[in-house]
Amino acid sequence: MSVLKVIEVLANSTTGWEDAAQAAINEACKTLENVRSVYIVDQSATVADGKITEYRITCKISFELWQ
């Protein structure tokens, strides 16, 4: 039996949504151990002069507390 915890994280990138998701995981792994999954809840972007300037995500990251 294992116990997981889920946290909600916001992340952004100037490259793309996938990069924003990876940034969220990279930051989470700095302080969390046993990260197991990421679920993208929402995606949005900021626009300037008709072009996307920033990609944003809201995601849920699960990590294992113990097995």
N, C-alpha and C. Protein backbone atom coordinates (compact mmCIF):
# COMPACT_ATOMS: atom_id res chain seq x y z
N MET A 1 0.85 -1.18 0.00
CA MET A 1 0.00 0.00 0.00
C MET A 1 0.89 1.24 0.00
N SER A 2 0.52 2.21 -0.80
CA SER A 2 1.27 3.47 -0.82
C SER A 2 0.31 4.63 -0.61
N VAL A 3 0.85 5.72 -0.09
CA VAL A 3 0.06 6.93 0.16
C VAL A 3 0.65 8.05 -0.69
N LEU A 4 -0.23 8.71 -1.47
CA LEU A 4 0.19 9.80 -2.33
C LEU A 4 -0.43 11.10 -1.86
N LYS A 5 0.27 12.19 -2.12
CA LYS A 5 -0.25 13.53 -1.85
C LYS A 5 -0.28 14.28 -3.17
N VAL A 6 -1.24 15.18 -3.33
CA VAL A 6 -1.38 15.97 -4.56
C VAL A 6 -1.31 17.44 -4.20
N ILE A 7 -0.48 18.18 -4.96
CA ILE A 7 -0.40 19.63 -4.79
C ILE A 7 -0.75 20.29 -6.12
N GLU A 8 -1.22 21.51 -6.05
CA GLU A 8 -1.53 22.27 -7.26
C GLU A 8 -0.44 23.30 -7.48
N VAL A 9 0.04 23.39 -8.71
CA VAL A 9 1.17 24.25 -9.04
C VAL A 9 0.84 25.05 -10.29
N LEU A 10 1.28 26.30 -10.33
CA LEU A 10 1.17 27.14 -11.52
C LEU A 10 2.58 27.30 -12.09
N ALA A 11 2.71 27.25 -13.41
CA ALA A 11 4.02 27.41 -14.04
C ALA A 11 3.85 28.13 -15.37
N ASN A 12 4.95 28.73 -15.84
CA ASN A 12 4.89 29.44 -17.12
C ASN A 12 6.17 29.22 -17.90
N SER A 13 6.10 29.53 -19.19
CA SER A 13 7.23 29.40 -20.10
C SER A 13 7.02 30.31 -21.29
N THR A 14 8.10 30.76 -21.87
CA THR A 14 8.00 31.53 -23.12
C THR A 14 8.12 30.60 -24.33
N THR A 15 8.36 29.32 -24.09
CA THR A 15 8.57 28.35 -25.17
C THR A 15 7.31 27.57 -25.55
N GLY A 16 6.58 27.06 -24.54
CA GLY A 16 5.39 26.26 -24.83
C GLY A 16 4.81 25.65 -23.58
N TRP A 17 3.63 25.02 -23.71
CA TRP A 17 2.97 24.40 -22.58
C TRP A 17 3.76 23.22 -22.04
N GLU A 18 4.36 22.44 -22.94
CA GLU A 18 5.16 21.30 -22.48
C GLU A 18 6.34 21.77 -21.64
N ASP A 19 6.96 22.86 -22.04
CA ASP A 19 8.08 23.42 -21.30
C ASP A 19 7.62 23.94 -19.94
N ALA A 20 6.43 24.50 -19.89
CA ALA A 20 5.87 24.97 -18.61
C ALA A 20 5.62 23.79 -17.68
N ALA A 21 5.12 22.68 -18.23
CA ALA A 21 4.91 21.48 -17.42
C ALA A 21 6.23 20.94 -16.89
N GLN A 22 7.25 20.91 -17.73
CA GLN A 22 8.55 20.43 -17.29
C GLN A 22 9.14 21.36 -16.22
N ALA A 23 8.92 22.66 -16.37
CA ALA A 23 9.39 23.61 -15.36
C ALA A 23 8.72 23.36 -14.01
N ALA A 24 7.43 23.05 -14.04
CA ALA A 24 6.71 22.74 -12.80
C ALA A 24 7.30 21.50 -12.14
N ILE A 25 7.58 20.47 -12.92
CA ILE A 25 8.17 19.24 -12.39
C ILE A 25 9.58 19.50 -11.87
N ASN A 26 10.37 20.25 -12.62
CA ASN A 26 11.73 20.56 -12.18
C ASN A 26 11.74 21.25 -10.82
N GLU A 27 10.88 22.22 -10.66
CA GLU A 27 10.83 22.95 -9.38
C GLU A 27 10.30 22.07 -8.26
N ALA A 28 9.28 21.28 -8.55
CA ALA A 28 8.71 20.40 -7.52
C ALA A 28 9.74 19.39 -7.05
N CYS A 29 10.54 18.87 -7.97
CA CYS A 29 11.54 17.85 -7.61
C CYS A 29 12.68 18.41 -6.77
N LYS A 30 12.81 19.72 -6.72
CA LYS A 30 13.84 20.32 -5.86
C LYS A 30 13.53 20.12 -4.39
N THR A 31 12.25 20.04 -4.04
CA THR A 31 11.88 19.91 -2.63
C THR A 31 11.06 18.66 -2.32
N LEU A 32 10.57 17.97 -3.34
CA LEU A 32 9.76 16.77 -3.13
C LEU A 32 10.51 15.54 -3.62
N GLU A 33 10.29 14.44 -2.93
CA GLU A 33 10.83 13.16 -3.39
C GLU A 33 9.69 12.31 -3.93
N ASN A 34 10.03 11.37 -4.78
CA ASN A 34 9.08 10.39 -5.29
C ASN A 34 7.91 11.00 -6.06
N VAL A 35 8.19 12.00 -6.90
CA VAL A 35 7.15 12.58 -7.75
C VAL A 35 6.70 11.50 -8.73
N ARG A 36 5.39 11.30 -8.84
CA ARG A 36 4.85 10.21 -9.64
C ARG A 36 4.11 10.64 -10.90
N SER A 37 3.41 11.79 -10.85
CA SER A 37 2.64 12.17 -12.04
C SER A 37 2.33 13.66 -12.04
N VAL A 38 1.97 14.13 -13.22
CA VAL A 38 1.50 15.51 -13.38
C VAL A 38 0.23 15.47 -14.21
N TYR A 39 -0.78 16.21 -13.77
CA TYR A 39 -2.06 16.29 -14.47
C TYR A 39 -2.30 17.76 -14.80
N ILE A 40 -2.38 18.08 -16.08
CA ILE A 40 -2.59 19.45 -16.51
C ILE A 40 -4.07 19.78 -16.37
N VAL A 41 -4.37 20.72 -15.48
CA VAL A 41 -5.75 21.11 -15.19
C VAL A 41 -6.22 22.19 -16.16
N ASP A 42 -5.35 23.15 -16.48
CA ASP A 42 -5.75 24.29 -17.29
C ASP A 42 -4.54 24.83 -18.05
N GLN A 43 -4.79 25.38 -19.23
CA GLN A 43 -3.76 26.01 -20.03
C GLN A 43 -4.26 27.39 -20.44
N SER A 44 -3.35 28.36 -20.46
CA SER A 44 -3.69 29.69 -20.95
C SER A 44 -2.42 30.33 -21.51
N ALA A 45 -2.58 31.47 -22.13
CA ALA A 45 -1.43 32.17 -22.70
C ALA A 45 -1.68 33.67 -22.66
N THR A 46 -0.59 34.41 -22.60
CA THR A 46 -0.69 35.87 -22.73
C THR A 46 -0.30 36.24 -24.16
N VAL A 47 -0.90 37.30 -24.66
CA VAL A 47 -0.69 37.71 -26.05
C VAL A 47 -0.30 39.18 -26.09
N ALA A 48 0.69 39.50 -26.92
CA ALA A 48 1.08 40.88 -27.16
C ALA A 48 1.36 41.04 -28.65
N ASP A 49 0.82 42.07 -29.24
CA ASP A 49 1.00 42.35 -30.67
C ASP A 49 0.62 41.16 -31.54
N GLY A 50 -0.44 40.44 -31.15
CA GLY A 50 -0.94 39.34 -31.94
C GLY A 50 -0.13 38.05 -31.83
N LYS A 51 0.82 37.99 -30.89
CA LYS A 51 1.64 36.79 -30.73
C LYS A 51 1.63 36.33 -29.28
N ILE A 52 1.69 35.01 -29.10
CA ILE A 52 1.77 34.46 -27.75
C ILE A 52 3.13 34.80 -27.16
N THR A 53 3.11 35.39 -25.97
CA THR A 53 4.35 35.76 -25.31
C THR A 53 4.67 34.89 -24.11
N GLU A 54 3.66 34.25 -23.55
CA GLU A 54 3.89 33.39 -22.40
C GLU A 54 2.83 32.30 -22.33
N TYR A 55 3.26 31.08 -22.11
CA TYR A 55 2.37 29.93 -21.96
C TYR A 55 2.25 29.63 -20.47
N ARG A 56 1.04 29.41 -20.00
CA ARG A 56 0.81 29.17 -18.58
C ARG A 56 0.01 27.89 -18.38
N ILE A 57 0.34 27.18 -17.31
CA ILE A 57 -0.43 25.99 -16.96
C ILE A 57 -0.75 25.99 -15.47
N THR A 58 -1.83 25.33 -15.16
CA THR A 58 -2.15 24.95 -13.79
C THR A 58 -2.12 23.43 -13.80
N CYS A 59 -1.36 22.84 -12.87
CA CYS A 59 -1.25 21.39 -12.87
C CYS A 59 -1.31 20.84 -11.45
N LYS A 60 -1.63 19.56 -11.38
CA LYS A 60 -1.62 18.84 -10.11
C LYS A 60 -0.48 17.83 -10.18
N ILE A 61 0.38 17.88 -9.18
CA ILE A 61 1.53 16.99 -9.12
C ILE A 61 1.32 16.04 -7.95
N SER A 62 1.46 14.74 -8.22
CA SER A 62 1.32 13.76 -7.13
C SER A 62 2.70 13.21 -6.79
N PHE A 63 2.88 12.97 -5.49
CA PHE A 63 4.13 12.38 -5.03
C PHE A 63 3.82 11.40 -3.89
N GLU A 64 4.68 10.42 -3.78
CA GLU A 64 4.46 9.36 -2.82
C GLU A 64 5.02 9.76 -1.45
N LEU A 65 4.19 9.65 -0.42
CA LEU A 65 4.63 9.94 0.94
C LEU A 65 5.35 8.75 1.54
N TRP A 66 4.76 7.57 1.37
CA TRP A 66 5.40 6.33 1.82
C TRP A 66 4.74 5.14 1.14
N GLN A 67 5.47 4.04 1.20
CA GLN A 67 4.97 2.80 0.59
C GLN A 67 4.58 1.80 1.64
